[in-house]
Amino acid sequence: MAQTMEHVESAPASSTRRWRHGKNRYDMAELAGAFGDLGTLIPFVVGYITVVKIDALGILFMFGISAMVAGWYYKTPIPVQPMKAIGGAAIAAGGAISPGVVCGAGLFTGVFWLVAGATGTVNVVTRLATKPVMHGILLGLGLSFMTQGIVMMRATPWLAAVGLGLTYVLLTHRKNLAMFALLLVGTAAALWMEPSLDAFLVSLRPAVRLPQLALSGVTWNQFLEGSIVLALPQIPLTLGNALIAVREENNRLFPDRPVTVRTLAVFQGLINLAAAPLGGIPMCHGAGGMAGHVRFGARTGGSLVMLGFLLVILALFFSRSAGILFEAFPKAILGVILFFAGGELAVTIREIGTKRDDVYVMLVVAAFAMWNMGAAFLAGILLYQALQRGWVRL
C-alpha cells in the first residue's frame, strides 16, 4: 500500500493530464476513487427517500456541497457520509420517524459537535485513544464492512463473483480501472435484470429544482425526539469512527496533510447546521469511506470535489428520479465495493507490532467495535489501563 501511494504521489505531472487546486488533483485516478464510498452512501439515501419520505433534492444537494467543501478544505479523501446509527434507526422505524424528527436530529448533532470541537472538549476523551485501541477500532470497522459487503453480495451471488474477480484482477494491474469496471458491470446488470429501466432512462428529462427551507415545519417535540431517540445514540459511533479513526487513518496515509479531532468535530457541526434547514440528513466523516476512496485510487480531496459536483448536478436536475436510479443499482456490486473498503481498513493491523498485550487489546476492541463503537472504546481504555498497571496479566 505504501509503495503504491509513493508511486502515485511521485508520478511526474506529464504522466497524466491534471488540473490542480492547491494539493488537490482532478484526474482519472481521483474520479475513480470518488465512487469508493457508494456502498454506504446509496443504501442510506434510498432508505431515507423511500421509507422516511425525505425529498432527494435536499439530501443530494447538501451531500454534494458538503463533499466539495470537505475536499477543498482537507485536501485528502476524507468522506462525507450518512450517520449510520441515526439513519439505521430512522429507516428501521418503517415510516414512524418523520422528516421533521430527522431534521431535529441534524440540528442537535450540529450544535453538539460544533461546541465539543470549538471548546476542545472532544480532545479530553480522544487523549485516551492509545495505539492498540485505535487499531482495534479500525480492524473492527474493517471486518464490519467486509461482513456487511458479503451480506449484500448474497442478493445476487453470480454478479458478486464477477465483480470480485474483476476487481481483484484490475486492482492488481490497473487500479484506476477497477471502479469504472464495477460501475459499468453494475449498470449493465441493472438494465438486464430490470427491463423496464430502459424505458425509464429513455424518458428521463432534466427538471430544475432548488432546495427549499425545511426548518419552518419542525416542531419542538420533533426536535426533542430527534435529539433523544436518534442523535444521542449516534455520539459514541461518531466519536470512534468519524473522529478518532478518521484522524488515525488520514494522518497515517497523508502525514503531510494532518487533521485533528477538534477540526473534524467542528467541520461536522457546521455541515449539519447548514444541511438540516435545507432538507439534508445528519452527516459525518468515516474511516471506512476514506478507505474505500483510497482503495480505488483517490489520494487528494479532488475526488470529493468531483463527487460533490456530480451529486449537486443530480440534485438540481434529476432529484425526482434519483431514488429510482439509486435503487436500481445492484446491491451485489455495492457489496463488492464495501468489501474492498473494509479490507483496506482492516490491513492496518500490520502496524500494531508483536507485543502480546497490544495485540490482545486490539482484538478485544475489534470484537466490541463490530457490535457497538462506544462499548469498544470504553472496553479498550479499561483493558489497556488494567494491563499497563499490572491489575490483570495475560
Protein backbone atom coordinates (compact mmCIF):
# COMPACT_ATOMS: atom_id res chain seq x y z
CA MET A 1 0.00 0.00 0.00
CA ALA A 2 2.76 2.41 0.98
CA GLN A 3 4.67 1.67 -2.22
CA THR A 4 1.55 2.27 -4.28
CA MET A 5 0.91 5.61 -2.61
CA GLU A 6 4.52 6.71 -3.00
CA HIS A 7 4.36 5.84 -6.65
CA VAL A 8 1.17 7.83 -7.17
CA GLU A 9 2.41 10.82 -5.21
CA SER A 10 5.74 10.96 -7.03
CA ALA A 11 4.40 10.41 -10.54
CA PRO A 12 5.51 13.17 -12.92
CA ALA A 13 2.96 15.78 -13.93
CA SER A 14 3.37 14.85 -17.58
CA SER A 15 2.17 11.27 -16.96
CA THR A 16 -1.45 12.35 -16.89
CA ARG A 17 -3.43 15.50 -17.59
CA ARG A 18 -4.27 17.26 -14.33
CA TRP A 19 -5.91 20.40 -13.10
CA ARG A 20 -4.55 21.38 -9.72
CA HIS A 21 -6.13 23.43 -6.95
CA GLY A 22 -3.69 23.58 -4.08
CA LYS A 23 -2.71 19.99 -3.39
CA ASN A 24 -5.82 18.54 -4.99
CA ARG A 25 -5.70 16.58 -8.22
CA TYR A 26 -8.50 16.21 -10.73
CA ASP A 27 -7.58 13.20 -12.87
CA MET A 28 -8.95 9.76 -13.69
CA ALA A 29 -7.48 8.20 -10.54
CA GLU A 30 -9.26 10.73 -8.34
CA LEU A 31 -12.51 10.30 -10.30
CA ALA A 32 -12.34 6.52 -9.87
CA GLY A 33 -11.68 6.88 -6.15
CA ALA A 34 -14.59 9.30 -5.82
CA PHE A 35 -17.03 6.38 -6.06
CA GLY A 36 -15.30 4.26 -3.40
CA ASP A 37 -17.90 5.10 -0.73
CA LEU A 38 -21.03 4.25 -2.74
CA GLY A 39 -21.53 1.08 -0.71
CA THR A 40 -22.55 3.14 2.33
CA LEU A 41 -23.99 6.19 0.58
CA ILE A 42 -26.57 4.65 -1.75
CA PRO A 43 -28.38 2.28 0.69
CA PHE A 44 -28.92 5.05 3.24
CA VAL A 45 -30.01 7.60 0.65
CA VAL A 46 -32.51 5.13 -0.84
CA GLY A 47 -33.86 4.33 2.63
CA TYR A 48 -34.30 8.00 3.55
CA ILE A 49 -36.08 8.69 0.26
CA THR A 50 -38.36 5.64 0.10
CA VAL A 51 -39.08 4.95 3.79
CA VAL A 52 -38.72 8.26 5.66
CA LYS A 53 -40.03 10.21 2.64
CA ILE A 54 -37.37 12.91 2.68
CA ASP A 55 -37.02 14.79 -0.60
CA ALA A 56 -33.98 13.60 -2.56
CA LEU A 57 -33.24 17.20 -3.54
CA GLY A 58 -32.17 18.32 -0.06
CA ILE A 59 -30.28 15.10 0.68
CA LEU A 60 -28.21 15.07 -2.52
CA PHE A 61 -27.67 18.82 -2.69
CA MET A 62 -26.29 19.12 0.84
CA PHE A 63 -24.24 15.95 0.44
CA GLY A 64 -22.73 17.41 -2.70
CA ILE A 65 -21.97 20.80 -1.20
CA SER A 66 -20.52 19.24 1.95
CA ALA A 67 -18.32 16.85 -0.05
CA MET A 68 -16.99 19.67 -2.21
CA VAL A 69 -16.15 21.79 0.85
CA ALA A 70 -14.52 18.80 2.57
CA GLY A 71 -12.36 18.01 -0.45
CA TRP A 72 -11.34 21.64 -0.90
CA TYR A 73 -10.56 22.12 2.80
CA TYR A 74 -8.87 18.89 3.85
CA LYS A 75 -7.03 18.16 0.56
CA THR A 76 -7.36 14.44 1.38
CA PRO A 77 -10.20 11.97 0.58
CA ILE A 78 -11.98 12.36 3.93
CA PRO A 79 -15.56 11.40 3.04
CA VAL A 80 -18.91 12.85 3.94
CA GLN A 81 -21.41 10.08 4.61
CA PRO A 82 -24.71 9.44 6.41
CA MET A 83 -24.60 8.99 10.17
CA LYS A 84 -25.27 5.27 10.40
CA ALA A 85 -26.93 4.96 13.81
CA ILE A 86 -29.33 7.79 13.02
CA GLY A 87 -30.02 6.55 9.50
CA GLY A 88 -30.43 2.94 10.57
CA ALA A 89 -32.88 3.83 13.35
CA ALA A 90 -34.90 6.20 11.15
CA ILE A 91 -35.18 3.72 8.28
CA ALA A 92 -35.84 0.71 10.54
CA ALA A 93 -38.81 2.57 12.07
CA GLY A 94 -40.66 1.94 8.82
CA GLY A 95 -42.14 5.41 8.40
CA ALA A 96 -42.77 6.14 12.09
CA ILE A 97 -39.93 8.69 12.04
CA SER A 98 -40.90 11.88 10.19
CA PRO A 99 -38.59 14.16 8.17
CA GLY A 100 -39.01 16.77 10.93
CA VAL A 101 -37.57 14.37 13.51
CA VAL A 102 -34.56 13.70 11.25
CA CYS A 103 -34.12 17.46 10.86
CA GLY A 104 -34.19 17.83 14.65
CA ALA A 105 -31.51 15.14 14.96
CA GLY A 106 -29.36 17.01 12.44
CA LEU A 107 -29.68 20.28 14.35
CA PHE A 108 -28.79 18.68 17.67
CA THR A 109 -25.86 16.85 16.09
CA GLY A 110 -24.58 20.07 14.54
CA VAL A 111 -24.71 22.02 17.80
CA PHE A 112 -23.21 19.17 19.83
CA TRP A 113 -20.13 18.59 17.68
CA LEU A 114 -19.58 22.29 16.97
CA VAL A 115 -19.50 23.04 20.72
CA ALA A 116 -17.42 19.93 21.51
CA GLY A 117 -14.88 20.88 18.89
CA ALA A 118 -14.80 24.63 19.42
CA THR A 119 -14.31 24.29 23.18
CA GLY A 120 -11.76 21.49 22.85
CA THR A 121 -13.90 19.17 24.97
CA VAL A 122 -13.53 16.41 22.39
CA ASN A 123 -9.76 16.35 22.98
CA VAL A 124 -10.22 15.24 26.59
CA VAL A 125 -11.81 11.96 25.52
CA THR A 126 -9.63 11.27 22.49
CA ARG A 127 -6.41 11.52 24.52
CA LEU A 128 -7.35 8.11 25.91
CA ALA A 129 -7.23 6.54 22.45
CA THR A 130 -3.95 4.61 22.58
CA LYS A 131 -2.47 2.81 19.57
CA PRO A 132 -3.96 -0.64 20.37
CA VAL A 133 -7.39 0.91 20.91
CA MET A 134 -7.18 2.80 17.63
CA HIS A 135 -6.08 -0.22 15.63
CA GLY A 136 -8.82 -2.27 17.24
CA ILE A 137 -11.44 0.24 16.14
CA LEU A 138 -10.05 0.24 12.59
CA LEU A 139 -9.94 -3.56 12.48
CA GLY A 140 -13.47 -3.86 13.83
CA LEU A 141 -14.77 -1.34 11.32
CA GLY A 142 -13.00 -3.11 8.50
CA LEU A 143 -14.40 -6.51 9.43
CA SER A 144 -17.88 -4.98 9.84
CA PHE A 145 -17.67 -3.51 6.35
CA MET A 146 -16.49 -6.81 4.88
CA THR A 147 -19.27 -8.71 6.65
CA GLN A 148 -21.90 -6.23 5.51
CA GLY A 149 -20.49 -6.43 1.99
CA ILE A 150 -20.84 -10.21 1.98
CA VAL A 151 -24.46 -9.93 3.14
CA MET A 152 -25.19 -7.51 0.27
CA MET A 153 -23.42 -9.76 -2.24
CA ARG A 154 -25.75 -12.62 -1.32
CA ALA A 155 -28.55 -10.76 -3.13
CA THR A 156 -27.04 -11.79 -6.49
CA PRO A 157 -24.16 -14.23 -5.90
CA TRP A 158 -23.18 -14.68 -9.56
CA LEU A 159 -22.91 -10.92 -10.07
CA ALA A 160 -20.89 -10.59 -6.88
CA ALA A 161 -18.49 -13.30 -8.11
CA VAL A 162 -17.99 -11.43 -11.38
CA GLY A 163 -17.42 -8.16 -9.51
CA LEU A 164 -14.98 -9.69 -7.04
CA GLY A 165 -12.92 -11.44 -9.72
CA LEU A 166 -12.81 -8.40 -11.97
CA THR A 167 -11.84 -6.10 -9.11
CA TYR A 168 -9.03 -8.35 -7.88
CA VAL A 169 -7.54 -8.51 -11.36
CA LEU A 170 -7.84 -4.78 -12.07
CA LEU A 171 -6.59 -3.69 -8.64
CA THR A 172 -3.50 -5.81 -9.30
CA HIS A 173 -2.78 -4.38 -12.73
CA ARG A 174 -4.86 -1.25 -13.46
CA LYS A 175 -6.19 0.13 -10.17
CA ASN A 176 -7.79 3.18 -11.73
CA LEU A 177 -9.98 0.99 -13.95
CA ALA A 178 -11.38 -1.17 -11.16
CA MET A 179 -14.11 1.25 -10.03
CA PHE A 180 -15.10 2.20 -13.58
CA ALA A 181 -15.39 -1.51 -14.43
CA LEU A 182 -17.61 -2.12 -11.38
CA LEU A 183 -19.86 0.80 -12.29
CA LEU A 184 -20.14 -0.47 -15.86
CA VAL A 185 -20.90 -4.04 -14.77
CA GLY A 186 -23.42 -2.80 -12.22
CA THR A 187 -25.21 -0.60 -14.76
CA ALA A 188 -25.33 -3.38 -17.36
CA ALA A 189 -26.65 -5.84 -14.78
CA ALA A 190 -29.32 -3.38 -13.63
CA LEU A 191 -30.53 -2.90 -17.20
CA TRP A 192 -30.57 -6.67 -17.78
CA MET A 193 -32.36 -7.55 -14.53
CA GLU A 194 -34.85 -4.67 -14.77
CA PRO A 195 -36.08 -4.42 -18.40
CA SER A 196 -38.43 -1.55 -17.50
CA LEU A 197 -35.39 0.54 -16.58
CA ASP A 198 -34.59 1.02 -20.29
CA ALA A 199 -37.84 2.87 -20.93
CA PHE A 200 -37.39 4.89 -17.74
CA LEU A 201 -33.93 6.08 -18.77
CA VAL A 202 -35.13 6.97 -22.27
CA SER A 203 -37.96 9.08 -20.83
CA LEU A 204 -35.70 10.76 -18.28
CA ARG A 205 -35.67 14.55 -18.66
CA PRO A 206 -33.95 17.18 -16.51
CA ALA A 207 -36.24 19.22 -14.28
CA VAL A 208 -34.63 22.13 -12.46
CA ARG A 209 -35.46 22.35 -8.74
CA LEU A 210 -33.90 24.44 -5.98
CA PRO A 211 -33.65 23.48 -2.28
CA GLN A 212 -36.43 24.71 -0.04
CA LEU A 213 -36.23 25.76 3.61
CA ALA A 214 -37.34 22.76 5.71
CA LEU A 215 -36.78 24.23 9.15
CA SER A 216 -40.13 26.02 9.39
CA GLY A 217 -42.03 22.72 9.63
CA VAL A 218 -40.03 21.33 12.57
CA THR A 219 -41.81 21.41 15.93
CA TRP A 220 -40.19 21.49 19.38
CA ASN A 221 -41.42 17.93 20.04
CA GLN A 222 -39.82 16.71 16.80
CA PHE A 223 -36.56 18.37 17.76
CA LEU A 224 -36.59 16.65 21.17
CA GLU A 225 -37.49 13.29 19.66
CA GLY A 226 -34.73 13.58 17.07
CA SER A 227 -32.22 14.60 19.71
CA ILE A 228 -33.03 11.85 22.23
CA VAL A 229 -34.10 8.93 20.04
CA LEU A 230 -31.77 9.42 17.07
CA ALA A 231 -28.86 11.77 17.84
CA LEU A 232 -27.71 10.69 21.32
CA PRO A 233 -27.11 7.00 20.39
CA GLN A 234 -25.01 8.21 17.43
CA ILE A 235 -22.45 10.07 19.58
CA PRO A 236 -20.21 7.08 20.50
CA LEU A 237 -20.14 5.85 16.89
CA THR A 238 -19.24 9.32 15.62
CA LEU A 239 -16.52 9.70 18.22
CA GLY A 240 -14.91 6.40 17.29
CA ASN A 241 -15.48 6.13 13.55
CA ALA A 242 -15.81 9.71 12.34
CA LEU A 243 -13.28 11.44 14.58
CA ILE A 244 -10.66 9.18 16.18
CA ALA A 245 -10.49 6.58 13.39
CA VAL A 246 -10.51 9.18 10.61
CA ARG A 247 -7.72 11.14 12.28
CA GLU A 248 -5.68 7.95 12.64
CA GLU A 249 -6.28 6.81 9.06
CA ASN A 250 -5.73 10.23 7.49
CA ASN A 251 -2.55 11.03 9.40
CA ARG A 252 -1.13 7.57 8.69
CA LEU A 253 -1.75 7.79 4.96
CA PHE A 254 -1.19 11.52 4.48
CA PRO A 255 1.23 12.78 7.15
CA ASP A 256 1.87 15.91 5.09
CA ARG A 257 -1.83 16.86 5.43
CA PRO A 258 -2.71 16.03 9.05
CA VAL A 259 -6.06 16.65 10.74
CA THR A 260 -7.13 16.85 14.39
CA VAL A 261 -10.25 15.53 16.06
CA ARG A 262 -11.10 19.09 17.02
CA THR A 263 -11.09 20.21 13.38
CA LEU A 264 -13.13 17.18 12.32
CA ALA A 265 -15.69 17.82 15.07
CA VAL A 266 -16.12 21.49 14.16
CA PHE A 267 -16.47 20.64 10.47
CA GLN A 268 -19.15 18.04 11.20
CA GLY A 269 -21.00 20.51 13.37
CA LEU A 270 -21.01 23.17 10.68
CA ILE A 271 -22.15 20.92 7.81
CA ASN A 272 -25.03 19.55 9.87
CA LEU A 273 -26.18 23.01 10.96
CA ALA A 274 -26.12 24.04 7.30
CA ALA A 275 -27.77 20.86 5.98
CA ALA A 276 -30.70 20.39 8.36
CA PRO A 277 -32.56 23.62 7.45
CA LEU A 278 -32.33 22.76 3.73
CA GLY A 279 -33.63 19.20 3.94
CA GLY A 280 -30.30 17.43 4.38
CA ILE A 281 -29.76 14.42 6.62
CA PRO A 282 -27.27 14.04 9.52
CA MET A 283 -23.76 13.60 8.09
CA CYS A 284 -20.33 12.75 9.40
CA HIS A 285 -16.94 11.53 8.24
CA GLY A 286 -15.98 7.85 8.29
CA ALA A 287 -12.78 5.82 8.25
CA GLY A 288 -14.42 3.10 6.15
CA GLY A 289 -15.46 5.57 3.49
CA MET A 290 -11.97 7.02 3.41
CA ALA A 291 -10.52 3.52 2.98
CA GLY A 292 -12.89 2.97 0.06
CA HIS A 293 -11.84 6.16 -1.68
CA VAL A 294 -8.16 5.34 -1.21
CA ARG A 295 -8.54 1.68 -2.25
CA PHE A 296 -9.89 2.69 -5.64
CA GLY A 297 -7.36 5.41 -6.40
CA ALA A 298 -8.09 8.64 -4.52
CA ARG A 299 -5.12 10.43 -2.95
CA THR A 300 -6.38 14.03 -2.63
CA GLY A 301 -9.54 15.96 -1.91
CA GLY A 302 -10.12 16.29 -5.64
CA SER A 303 -12.07 13.03 -5.53
CA LEU A 304 -14.55 14.56 -3.05
CA VAL A 305 -14.85 17.77 -5.06
CA MET A 306 -15.73 15.83 -8.21
CA LEU A 307 -18.16 13.53 -6.39
CA GLY A 308 -19.83 16.52 -4.75
CA PHE A 309 -20.19 18.30 -8.08
CA LEU A 310 -21.90 15.25 -9.60
CA LEU A 311 -24.28 14.99 -6.64
CA VAL A 312 -25.21 18.67 -6.89
CA ILE A 313 -25.97 18.27 -10.61
CA LEU A 314 -28.07 15.18 -9.85
CA ALA A 315 -29.91 17.07 -7.12
CA LEU A 316 -30.68 20.19 -9.14
CA PHE A 317 -31.72 18.45 -12.37
CA PHE A 318 -32.71 14.82 -11.62
CA SER A 319 -33.74 14.72 -7.95
CA ARG A 320 -37.27 13.45 -8.77
CA SER A 321 -35.76 10.34 -10.36
CA ALA A 322 -32.77 9.88 -8.06
CA GLY A 323 -34.45 7.35 -5.78
CA ILE A 324 -35.29 5.06 -8.70
CA LEU A 325 -31.81 5.41 -10.19
CA PHE A 326 -30.07 4.58 -6.90
CA GLU A 327 -32.41 1.72 -6.03
CA ALA A 328 -31.84 0.07 -9.41
CA PHE A 329 -28.10 -0.24 -8.88
CA PRO A 330 -27.37 -3.86 -7.84
CA LYS A 331 -26.74 -4.45 -4.14
CA ALA A 332 -24.21 -7.13 -5.03
CA ILE A 333 -21.89 -4.58 -6.68
CA LEU A 334 -22.30 -2.20 -3.74
CA GLY A 335 -21.34 -5.13 -1.53
CA VAL A 336 -18.16 -5.68 -3.55
CA ILE A 337 -17.20 -2.02 -3.08
CA LEU A 338 -17.91 -2.24 0.65
CA PHE A 339 -15.92 -5.49 0.92
CA PHE A 340 -12.77 -3.96 -0.54
CA ALA A 341 -13.16 -0.80 1.54
CA GLY A 342 -13.31 -2.95 4.66
CA GLY A 343 -10.25 -4.90 3.62
CA GLU A 344 -8.29 -1.69 3.10
CA LEU A 345 -9.22 -0.60 6.62
CA ALA A 346 -8.53 -3.94 8.29
CA VAL A 347 -4.99 -4.38 6.96
CA THR A 348 -3.79 -1.56 9.20
CA ILE A 349 -3.31 -4.22 11.89
CA ARG A 350 0.09 -4.99 10.33
CA GLU A 351 1.41 -1.87 12.10
CA ILE A 352 0.44 -2.97 15.62
CA GLY A 353 3.71 -4.82 16.26
CA THR A 354 4.21 -8.08 18.16
CA LYS A 355 3.71 -7.05 21.79
CA ARG A 356 1.22 -9.52 23.24
CA ASP A 357 -0.72 -7.02 25.37
CA ASP A 358 -1.20 -4.62 22.44
CA VAL A 359 -2.39 -7.36 20.10
CA TYR A 360 -4.83 -8.65 22.71
CA VAL A 361 -6.30 -5.19 23.36
CA MET A 362 -6.65 -4.63 19.62
CA LEU A 363 -8.57 -7.89 19.15
CA VAL A 364 -10.89 -7.21 22.09
CA VAL A 365 -11.65 -3.70 20.84
CA ALA A 366 -12.24 -5.03 17.31
CA ALA A 367 -14.74 -7.58 18.58
CA PHE A 368 -16.67 -4.94 20.53
CA ALA A 369 -16.46 -2.48 17.60
CA MET A 370 -18.36 -4.91 15.39
CA TRP A 371 -21.21 -4.61 17.91
CA ASN A 372 -21.03 -1.12 19.44
CA MET A 373 -18.42 1.59 18.93
CA GLY A 374 -18.92 3.22 22.31
CA ALA A 375 -18.57 -0.11 24.12
CA ALA A 376 -15.43 -0.87 22.10
CA PHE A 377 -13.82 2.44 23.04
CA LEU A 378 -14.63 2.03 26.73
CA ALA A 379 -13.56 -1.63 26.85
CA GLY A 380 -10.27 -0.83 25.13
CA ILE A 381 -9.42 2.01 27.51
CA LEU A 382 -10.20 -0.05 30.62
CA LEU A 383 -8.34 -3.14 29.42
CA TYR A 384 -5.29 -1.20 28.27
CA GLN A 385 -5.01 0.69 31.57
CA ALA A 386 -5.50 -2.51 33.56
CA LEU A 387 -2.70 -4.24 31.64
CA GLN A 388 -0.36 -1.27 31.93
CA ARG A 389 -0.87 -1.01 35.69
CA GLY A 390 -0.49 -4.73 36.24
CA TRP A 391 -4.03 -5.22 37.54
CA VAL A 392 -4.51 -8.09 35.06
CA ARG A 393 -1.97 -10.28 33.28
CA LEU A 394 -2.17 -12.32 30.10
